[in-house]
């Protein structure tokens, strides 16, 4: 009986022990499962956070890239404009200036000859005679045969036979001229040959300067110098070839600009601009009419007795950006070259004169011309120019070409010629 009781106790202990182990195992299993679920939950949350961070980084990178692209595009667009012009705008074909026959004093001729070759070799700069009326600079072009109305004039320098109707013959100072009453005729003087008809057509050639001009009755024709050539076919067709760029105008809304760095094709109101490997298309500015050639002056006069000095004329697009008065780097280089030349010639005084076209108010143009003249003067002084120098702005008051055509329409070529800065060198 006692043995049976012991056995029963042992069995009971065994059962209790087994149950406890199962409970422990069960608890352990549950804990394991719970931990696994927590691990999975934590893992999923980390992935989501990582993905959100990556998405945010992608958005920021994309935004930054777009911003950089916009900045790059802005810089490229500035570089894809013709210097001195707006984006999508090209220069007009230049106005042809008909050569004249000025008569210089000995000192004027000395200065002009000393400056001519060196100044005309600088791109964007030209040398011209300065004429004055009543002590002030004026812009006139005319030939002079004789100042008198007498029928016969004999002097030590030559002779002339002048009829009451203005016709006649002149042999004087190396000049041979035959003039008809209507101003037509032939002139030969110092390598210059002029054949002019009453309607303003004819030819002009200057062997010394390498200039030739042909004009028909309707203003079409051609001009050629050592550095430029221009062909005018109609008011919408023309070709210009110069030292810095070339132009082809082929219709009212079709033209092409070409330089070493830039190509612009304009057609149908759009401008296709190419610079290196970059091409962009923008809205084009309206094209100007091709300027017809002005009439060759009648042979009413041969000598200009109102020469008062020399003008060194700067194209304003060389010096300034559109509607600005801060000198461009290229403009500074041009001014430096001109200052070097005038210093070597020992010019005593220089007037820096600023001029504008007629677009804008009188007050605005006056201020712009003054600012541009002062900008050139101040830089010349920084270069220690030897000449006494002063600056003055004339606004739109002294044009060298019409700002408008005869029908009242805009004349961009004329305005282009009127936008200029000049060195006026007075020489008696």
Protein backbone atom coordinates (compact mmCIF):
# COMPACT_ATOMS: atom_id res chain seq x y z
CA UNK A 1 0.00 0.00 0.00
CA UNK A 2 2.82 2.32 0.88
CA UNK A 3 4.58 1.43 -2.39
CA UNK A 4 1.41 2.28 -4.33
CA UNK A 5 1.20 5.67 -2.67
CA UNK A 6 4.76 6.48 -3.64
CA UNK A 7 4.11 5.52 -7.24
CA UNK A 8 1.01 7.71 -7.34
CA UNK A 9 2.97 10.69 -6.02
CA UNK A 10 5.68 10.17 -8.64
CA UNK A 11 3.10 10.02 -11.44
CA UNK A 12 1.45 13.19 -10.20
CA UNK A 13 4.78 15.03 -10.15
CA UNK A 14 5.54 13.83 -13.71
CA UNK A 15 2.17 15.11 -15.00
CA UNK A 16 2.68 18.48 -13.30
CA UNK A 17 6.17 18.77 -14.71
CA UNK A 18 5.00 17.99 -18.25
CA UNK A 19 2.23 20.59 -18.10
CA UNK A 20 4.63 23.24 -16.87
CA UNK A 21 7.06 22.57 -19.68
CA UNK A 22 4.26 22.81 -22.29
CA UNK A 23 3.11 26.11 -20.80
CA UNK A 24 6.68 27.43 -20.83
CA UNK A 25 7.15 26.24 -24.40
CA UNK A 26 3.83 27.80 -25.38
CA UNK A 27 4.77 31.07 -23.75
CA UNK A 28 8.16 30.94 -25.42
CA UNK A 29 6.53 30.28 -28.82
CA UNK A 30 4.07 33.15 -28.34
CA UNK A 31 6.88 35.50 -27.36
CA UNK A 32 8.85 34.43 -30.38
CA UNK A 33 5.93 35.07 -32.68
CA UNK A 34 5.29 38.45 -31.11
CA UNK A 35 8.92 39.45 -31.52
CA UNK A 36 8.89 38.30 -35.14
CA UNK A 37 5.80 40.40 -35.81
CA UNK A 38 7.41 43.38 -34.17
CA UNK A 39 10.55 42.81 -36.25
CA UNK A 40 8.46 42.69 -39.42
CA UNK A 41 6.59 45.83 -38.42
CA UNK A 42 9.80 47.72 -37.68
CA UNK A 43 11.35 46.51 -40.94
CA UNK A 44 8.36 47.67 -43.00
CA UNK A 45 8.36 51.09 -41.36
CA UNK A 46 12.08 51.56 -42.03
CA UNK A 47 11.58 50.74 -45.74
CA UNK A 48 8.73 53.20 -46.03
CA UNK A 49 10.75 55.95 -44.35
CA UNK A 50 13.68 55.19 -46.61
CA UNK A 51 11.47 55.33 -49.71
CA UNK A 52 9.94 58.63 -48.61
CA UNK A 53 13.43 60.05 -48.04
CA UNK A 54 14.56 58.82 -51.43
CA UNK A 55 11.48 60.32 -53.10
CA UNK A 56 12.13 63.62 -51.34
CA UNK A 57 15.76 63.57 -52.43
CA UNK A 58 14.66 62.85 -56.00
CA UNK A 59 12.22 65.78 -55.94
CA UNK A 60 14.87 68.12 -54.53
CA UNK A 61 17.42 66.92 -57.09
CA UNK A 62 14.94 67.37 -59.91
CA UNK A 63 14.00 70.86 -58.66
CA UNK A 64 17.66 71.79 -58.35
CA UNK A 65 18.39 70.45 -61.83
CA UNK A 66 15.48 72.40 -63.29
CA UNK A 67 16.67 75.56 -61.54
CA UNK A 68 20.20 75.06 -62.86
CA UNK A 69 18.81 74.37 -66.31
CA UNK A 70 16.79 77.58 -66.21
CA UNK A 71 19.86 79.54 -65.15
CA UNK A 72 21.95 77.92 -67.87
CA UNK A 73 19.24 78.66 -70.41
CA UNK A 74 19.11 82.30 -69.28
CA UNK A 75 22.87 82.69 -69.71
CA UNK A 76 22.77 81.00 -73.11
CA UNK A 77 19.98 83.30 -74.31
CA UNK A 78 21.99 86.38 -73.39
CA UNK A 79 24.95 85.01 -75.30
CA UNK A 80 22.77 84.26 -78.33
CA UNK A 81 21.94 87.90 -79.05
CA UNK A 82 23.79 90.05 -81.57
CA UNK A 83 25.90 92.50 -79.53
CA UNK A 84 23.95 95.72 -79.07
CA UNK A 85 20.63 94.20 -80.19
CA UNK A 86 17.69 92.45 -78.57
CA UNK A 87 17.18 88.67 -78.68
CA UNK A 88 15.76 87.72 -82.09
CA UNK A 89 16.87 91.00 -83.70
CA UNK A 90 19.52 91.45 -86.39
CA UNK A 91 21.19 94.62 -87.74
CA UNK A 92 19.77 96.47 -90.70
CA UNK A 93 21.77 96.63 -93.90
CA UNK A 94 23.89 99.78 -93.44
CA UNK A 95 23.12 102.99 -95.29
CA UNK A 96 25.56 103.68 -98.11
CA UNK A 97 27.21 107.06 -97.70
CA UNK A 98 27.94 108.64 -101.07
CA UNK A 99 31.58 109.85 -101.16
CA UNK A 100 32.16 113.59 -101.29
CA UNK A 101 35.05 115.81 -102.38
CA UNK A 102 36.11 117.93 -99.41
CA UNK A 103 38.87 120.49 -99.71
CA UNK A 104 41.12 120.53 -96.65
CA UNK A 105 43.54 123.08 -95.36
CA UNK A 106 47.13 121.92 -95.23
CA UNK A 107 46.85 121.12 -91.50
CA UNK A 108 43.48 119.35 -91.95
CA UNK A 109 44.87 117.18 -94.72
CA UNK A 110 47.91 116.36 -92.60
CA UNK A 111 45.76 115.20 -89.67
CA UNK A 112 43.32 113.32 -91.89
CA UNK A 113 46.09 111.43 -93.67
CA UNK A 114 47.80 110.57 -90.37
CA UNK A 115 44.59 109.08 -88.97
CA UNK A 116 42.87 107.61 -92.02
CA UNK A 117 44.49 104.22 -92.53
CA UNK A 118 44.89 103.37 -88.83
CA UNK A 119 41.37 104.43 -87.81
CA UNK A 120 39.56 102.79 -90.74
CA UNK A 121 41.29 99.49 -89.96
CA UNK A 122 39.55 99.30 -86.56
CA UNK A 123 36.23 97.39 -86.87
CA UNK A 124 33.19 99.50 -86.02
CA UNK A 125 35.05 102.82 -86.40
CA UNK A 126 35.27 105.19 -89.36
CA UNK A 127 36.94 108.50 -90.16
CA UNK A 128 34.94 111.33 -91.78
CA UNK A 129 35.38 115.03 -92.46
CA UNK A 130 33.69 117.38 -90.02
CA UNK A 131 31.80 120.31 -91.50
CA UNK A 132 30.65 123.35 -89.58
CA UNK A 133 28.14 126.14 -90.06
CA UNK A 134 28.20 129.28 -87.95
CA UNK A 135 30.88 127.75 -85.76
CA UNK A 136 28.88 124.61 -84.97
CA UNK A 137 29.34 121.10 -86.34
CA UNK A 138 26.91 120.22 -89.15
CA UNK A 139 26.31 117.19 -91.34
CA UNK A 140 26.30 118.12 -95.02
CA UNK A 141 27.53 116.50 -98.22
CA UNK A 142 27.96 118.52 -101.37
CA UNK A 143 30.28 119.19 -104.29
CA UNK A 144 31.54 122.67 -105.07
CA UNK A 145 32.53 123.88 -108.53
CA UNK A 146 32.80 127.62 -108.01
CA UNK A 147 31.62 130.23 -105.58
CA UNK A 148 31.14 132.88 -108.24
CA UNK A 149 28.45 133.54 -110.82
CA UNK A 150 30.77 135.08 -113.35
CA UNK A 151 30.85 133.56 -116.81
CA UNK A 152 34.65 133.25 -116.88
CA UNK A 153 37.09 132.98 -113.97
CA UNK A 154 40.86 132.85 -114.37
CA UNK A 155 43.20 132.44 -111.42
CA UNK A 156 46.71 131.14 -110.77
CA UNK A 157 45.12 127.84 -109.72
CA UNK A 158 43.07 127.37 -112.89
CA UNK A 159 40.10 128.57 -114.89
CA UNK A 160 36.39 128.06 -115.07
CA UNK A 161 33.68 128.87 -117.57
CA UNK A 162 30.27 129.11 -115.95
CA UNK A 163 27.03 129.82 -117.78
CA UNK A 164 24.10 131.66 -116.27
CA UNK A 165 22.21 128.38 -116.10
CA UNK A 166 24.96 126.84 -113.93
CA UNK A 167 26.58 124.81 -116.67
CA UNK A 168 30.26 125.09 -117.35
CA UNK A 169 33.78 123.71 -117.28
CA UNK A 170 36.34 123.87 -114.48
CA UNK A 171 40.06 123.14 -114.58
CA UNK A 172 41.53 123.88 -111.18
CA UNK A 173 43.79 122.35 -108.54
CA UNK A 174 44.04 119.02 -110.36
CA UNK A 175 40.28 118.88 -110.97
CA UNK A 176 38.56 118.60 -114.34
CA UNK A 177 34.82 119.08 -114.29
CA UNK A 178 32.15 119.35 -116.95
CA UNK A 179 28.76 120.36 -115.59
CA UNK A 180 25.38 120.71 -117.29
CA UNK A 181 22.62 123.06 -116.21
CA UNK A 182 20.73 120.22 -114.49
CA UNK A 183 23.76 119.36 -112.33
CA UNK A 184 24.74 116.26 -114.25
CA UNK A 185 28.26 115.85 -115.54
CA UNK A 186 31.68 114.31 -115.02
CA UNK A 187 34.36 115.04 -112.42
CA UNK A 188 37.97 113.85 -112.19
CA UNK A 189 40.04 114.90 -109.21
CA UNK A 190 42.95 113.24 -107.39
CA UNK A 191 41.98 109.69 -108.35
CA UNK A 192 38.27 110.35 -107.75
CA UNK A 193 35.93 109.94 -110.71
CA UNK A 194 32.26 110.92 -110.58
CA UNK A 195 29.69 110.44 -113.33
CA UNK A 196 26.28 111.76 -112.30
CA UNK A 197 22.97 112.11 -114.13
CA UNK A 198 20.17 114.53 -113.37
CA UNK A 199 18.10 111.82 -111.63
CA UNK A 200 20.92 111.11 -109.13
CA UNK A 201 22.10 107.90 -110.77
CA UNK A 202 25.69 107.32 -111.83
CA UNK A 203 29.02 106.07 -110.53
CA UNK A 204 31.62 107.16 -108.01
CA UNK A 205 35.07 105.60 -107.72
CA UNK A 206 38.02 106.56 -105.58
CA UNK A 207 41.23 104.76 -106.50
CA UNK A 208 43.15 105.97 -103.46
CA UNK A 209 40.56 104.78 -100.98
CA UNK A 210 39.50 101.69 -102.92
CA UNK A 211 35.85 102.78 -103.02
CA UNK A 212 33.38 102.22 -105.85
CA UNK A 213 29.67 103.02 -106.00
CA UNK A 214 27.04 102.43 -108.65
CA UNK A 215 23.49 103.79 -108.31
CA UNK A 216 20.55 103.32 -110.66
CA UNK A 217 17.62 105.73 -111.00
CA UNK A 218 15.51 103.84 -108.41
CA UNK A 219 18.15 103.73 -105.66
CA UNK A 220 19.35 100.18 -106.23
CA UNK A 221 23.00 99.46 -106.92
CA UNK A 222 26.21 98.45 -105.20
CA UNK A 223 29.00 99.75 -102.99
CA UNK A 224 32.42 98.28 -102.32
CA UNK A 225 35.38 99.31 -100.20
CA UNK A 226 38.42 97.48 -98.88
CA UNK A 227 36.47 96.21 -95.86
CA UNK A 228 32.80 96.16 -96.89
CA UNK A 229 30.51 95.36 -99.80
CA UNK A 230 26.81 96.09 -100.17
CA UNK A 231 24.39 95.11 -102.93
CA UNK A 232 20.89 96.65 -102.96
CA UNK A 233 18.34 94.86 -105.17
CA UNK A 234 15.10 96.33 -103.80
CA UNK A 235 13.66 97.69 -100.56
CA UNK A 236 13.42 94.10 -99.27
CA UNK A 237 16.45 92.46 -100.89
CA UNK A 238 20.07 93.19 -100.19
CA UNK A 239 23.41 91.71 -99.15
CA UNK A 240 26.03 93.10 -96.77
CA UNK A 241 29.49 91.65 -96.13
CA UNK A 242 31.70 93.29 -93.53
CA UNK A 243 34.69 92.49 -91.33
CA UNK A 244 32.58 91.24 -88.41
CA UNK A 245 29.41 89.80 -89.91
CA UNK A 246 27.33 89.38 -93.07
CA UNK A 247 23.63 89.88 -93.84
CA UNK A 248 21.29 88.52 -96.48
CA UNK A 249 17.83 90.11 -96.72
CA UNK A 250 15.70 88.12 -99.16
CA UNK A 251 12.08 89.15 -98.44
CA UNK A 252 9.86 91.13 -96.07
CA UNK A 253 10.23 88.53 -93.33
CA UNK A 254 13.23 86.48 -94.45
CA UNK A 255 16.85 87.25 -93.65
CA UNK A 256 20.05 85.72 -92.33
CA UNK A 257 22.80 87.00 -90.06
CA UNK A 258 26.18 85.26 -89.90
CA UNK A 259 29.30 85.87 -87.84
CA UNK A 260 32.11 83.63 -86.61
CA UNK A 261 30.17 82.71 -83.46
CA UNK A 262 26.52 83.24 -84.30
CA UNK A 263 24.02 82.38 -87.02
CA UNK A 264 20.44 83.70 -87.08
CA UNK A 265 17.88 82.70 -89.70
CA UNK A 266 14.66 84.72 -89.66
CA UNK A 267 11.55 83.42 -91.40
CA UNK A 268 7.84 83.59 -90.71
CA UNK A 269 8.21 85.63 -87.54
CA UNK A 270 10.65 83.21 -85.92
CA UNK A 271 14.41 83.49 -85.38
CA UNK A 272 16.43 80.27 -85.41
CA UNK A 273 19.64 81.06 -83.51
CA UNK A 274 22.69 78.79 -83.59
CA UNK A 275 25.82 79.22 -81.54
CA UNK A 276 28.23 76.29 -81.51
CA UNK A 277 26.21 73.16 -80.71
CA UNK A 278 23.28 75.11 -79.22
CA UNK A 279 20.20 76.01 -81.28
CA UNK A 280 17.19 77.96 -80.05
CA UNK A 281 14.04 79.32 -81.68
CA UNK A 282 12.52 82.59 -80.46
CA UNK A 283 10.11 85.22 -81.75
CA UNK A 284 11.85 87.43 -84.30
CA UNK A 285 11.85 91.19 -84.23
CA UNK A 286 10.37 92.79 -87.40
CA UNK A 287 12.90 93.24 -90.21
CA UNK A 288 13.71 96.70 -91.48
CA UNK A 289 13.51 97.72 -95.10
CA UNK A 290 16.73 97.61 -97.09
CA UNK A 291 17.90 101.23 -97.44
CA UNK A 292 18.05 102.46 -101.01
CA UNK A 293 21.13 104.40 -102.10
CA UNK A 294 20.84 108.16 -101.85
CA UNK A 295 21.22 110.25 -104.97
CA UNK A 296 24.72 111.08 -106.09
CA UNK A 297 25.06 114.84 -105.44
CA UNK A 298 24.80 117.05 -108.47
CA UNK A 299 28.01 118.73 -109.56
CA UNK A 300 26.91 122.12 -108.33
CA UNK A 301 29.93 122.33 -106.07
CA UNK A 302 33.39 120.84 -105.99
CA UNK A 303 35.02 122.04 -102.77
CA UNK A 304 33.67 122.17 -99.26
CA UNK A 305 34.98 125.35 -97.70
CA UNK A 306 33.27 124.69 -94.39
CA UNK A 307 35.54 121.84 -93.25
CA UNK A 308 36.38 122.45 -89.60
CA UNK A 309 38.03 119.21 -88.52
CA UNK A 310 37.77 115.43 -88.42
CA UNK A 311 35.20 113.02 -86.97
CA UNK A 312 36.05 109.56 -85.63
CA UNK A 313 32.69 107.77 -85.59
CA UNK A 314 31.98 104.77 -83.34
CA UNK A 315 29.12 102.40 -84.14
CA UNK A 316 27.13 102.41 -80.87
CA UNK A 317 26.49 98.63 -81.01
CA UNK A 318 30.26 98.14 -80.70
CA UNK A 319 30.37 100.24 -77.54
CA UNK A 320 27.07 99.53 -75.77
CA UNK A 321 24.36 96.92 -75.30
CA UNK A 322 20.83 97.81 -76.41
CA UNK A 323 19.55 100.92 -74.60
CA UNK A 324 22.50 100.87 -72.14
CA UNK A 325 25.43 103.19 -71.46
CA UNK A 326 27.83 100.79 -69.73
CA UNK A 327 30.77 100.10 -72.04
CA UNK A 328 31.01 96.56 -73.36
CA UNK A 329 34.43 94.80 -73.03
CA UNK A 330 34.75 94.86 -76.84
CA UNK A 331 33.93 98.59 -76.78
CA UNK A 332 36.73 99.27 -74.33
CA UNK A 333 39.18 97.51 -76.63
CA UNK A 334 38.04 99.66 -79.56
CA UNK A 335 38.38 102.88 -77.57
CA UNK A 336 41.85 101.83 -76.42
CA UNK A 337 42.95 101.34 -80.04
CA UNK A 338 41.58 104.74 -81.07
CA UNK A 339 43.21 106.48 -78.10
CA UNK A 340 46.53 104.88 -79.03
CA UNK A 341 46.20 106.31 -82.55
CA UNK A 342 45.25 109.87 -81.53
CA UNK A 343 48.02 109.92 -78.92
CA UNK A 344 50.61 109.13 -81.59
CA UNK A 345 49.27 111.89 -83.83
CA UNK A 346 49.43 114.37 -80.91
CA UNK A 347 45.84 115.57 -81.13
CA UNK A 348 45.44 118.64 -78.91
CA UNK A 349 41.74 118.42 -78.07
CA UNK A 350 38.82 116.04 -78.55
CA UNK A 351 35.09 116.54 -78.18
CA UNK A 352 33.21 113.31 -77.35
CA UNK A 353 29.72 113.70 -78.80
CA UNK A 354 26.82 111.31 -78.13
CA UNK A 355 23.84 110.96 -80.50
CA UNK A 356 20.65 108.85 -80.54
CA UNK A 357 17.84 108.03 -82.92
CA UNK A 358 14.32 109.45 -82.47
CA UNK A 359 12.76 106.51 -80.59
CA UNK A 360 11.76 107.64 -77.09
CA UNK A 361 11.19 111.06 -75.61
CA UNK A 362 13.51 114.03 -76.21
CA UNK A 363 14.41 114.07 -72.51
CA UNK A 364 15.27 110.37 -72.41
CA UNK A 365 17.38 110.52 -75.58
CA UNK A 366 19.21 113.60 -74.36
CA UNK A 367 20.11 111.88 -71.09
CA UNK A 368 21.14 108.64 -72.84
CA UNK A 369 23.40 110.53 -75.26
CA UNK A 370 25.04 112.41 -72.38
CA UNK A 371 25.60 109.21 -70.39
CA UNK A 372 27.15 107.45 -73.39
CA UNK A 373 29.42 110.39 -74.22
CA UNK A 374 30.57 110.60 -70.59
CA UNK A 375 31.18 106.84 -70.44
CA UNK A 376 33.53 107.07 -73.44
CA UNK A 377 35.23 110.20 -72.11
CA UNK A 378 35.79 108.69 -68.65
CA UNK A 379 37.31 105.52 -70.07
CA UNK A 380 39.58 107.52 -72.38
CA UNK A 381 40.77 109.44 -69.30
CA UNK A 382 41.41 106.15 -67.49
CA UNK A 383 43.68 105.32 -70.42
CA UNK A 384 45.52 108.61 -69.81
CA UNK A 385 44.66 110.08 -73.20
CA UNK A 386 47.03 112.97 -73.91
CA UNK A 387 44.41 115.21 -75.53
CA UNK A 388 42.25 117.65 -73.64
CA UNK A 389 38.84 115.98 -73.69
CA UNK A 390 35.25 117.03 -73.02
CA UNK A 391 31.88 115.31 -73.51
CA UNK A 392 28.51 116.48 -74.75
CA UNK A 393 25.22 114.79 -75.65
CA UNK A 394 23.01 115.97 -78.50
CA UNK A 395 20.17 113.47 -78.16
CA UNK A 396 18.27 113.07 -81.42
CA UNK A 397 18.86 116.67 -82.60
CA UNK A 398 21.70 115.98 -85.09
CA UNK A 399 20.80 113.01 -87.32
CA UNK A 400 23.02 111.97 -90.22
CA UNK A 401 20.16 110.03 -91.85
CA UNK A 402 16.33 110.16 -91.75
CA UNK A 403 14.74 108.33 -88.81
CA UNK A 404 11.62 107.84 -90.95
CA UNK A 405 11.03 107.04 -94.60
CA UNK A 406 9.35 109.53 -96.93
CA UNK A 407 6.00 107.75 -96.40
CA UNK A 408 6.25 108.22 -92.63
CA UNK A 409 7.19 104.61 -91.86
CA UNK A 410 10.06 103.67 -89.58
CA UNK A 411 13.57 103.69 -91.03
CA UNK A 412 15.69 101.29 -88.89
CA UNK A 413 18.74 101.74 -91.12
CA UNK A 414 18.63 105.48 -90.63
CA UNK A 415 18.14 105.11 -86.89
CA UNK A 416 21.06 102.68 -86.79
CA UNK A 417 23.31 105.31 -88.41
CA UNK A 418 22.09 108.01 -86.03
CA UNK A 419 22.95 106.00 -82.90
CA UNK A 420 26.61 106.85 -82.58
CA UNK A 421 29.38 108.36 -80.49
CA UNK A 422 32.00 110.56 -82.17
CA UNK A 423 35.40 112.00 -81.44
CA UNK A 424 35.32 115.50 -82.95
CA UNK A 425 38.84 116.80 -83.59
CA UNK A 426 38.76 120.50 -84.47
CA UNK A 427 41.37 121.47 -87.07
CA UNK A 428 41.49 124.84 -88.84
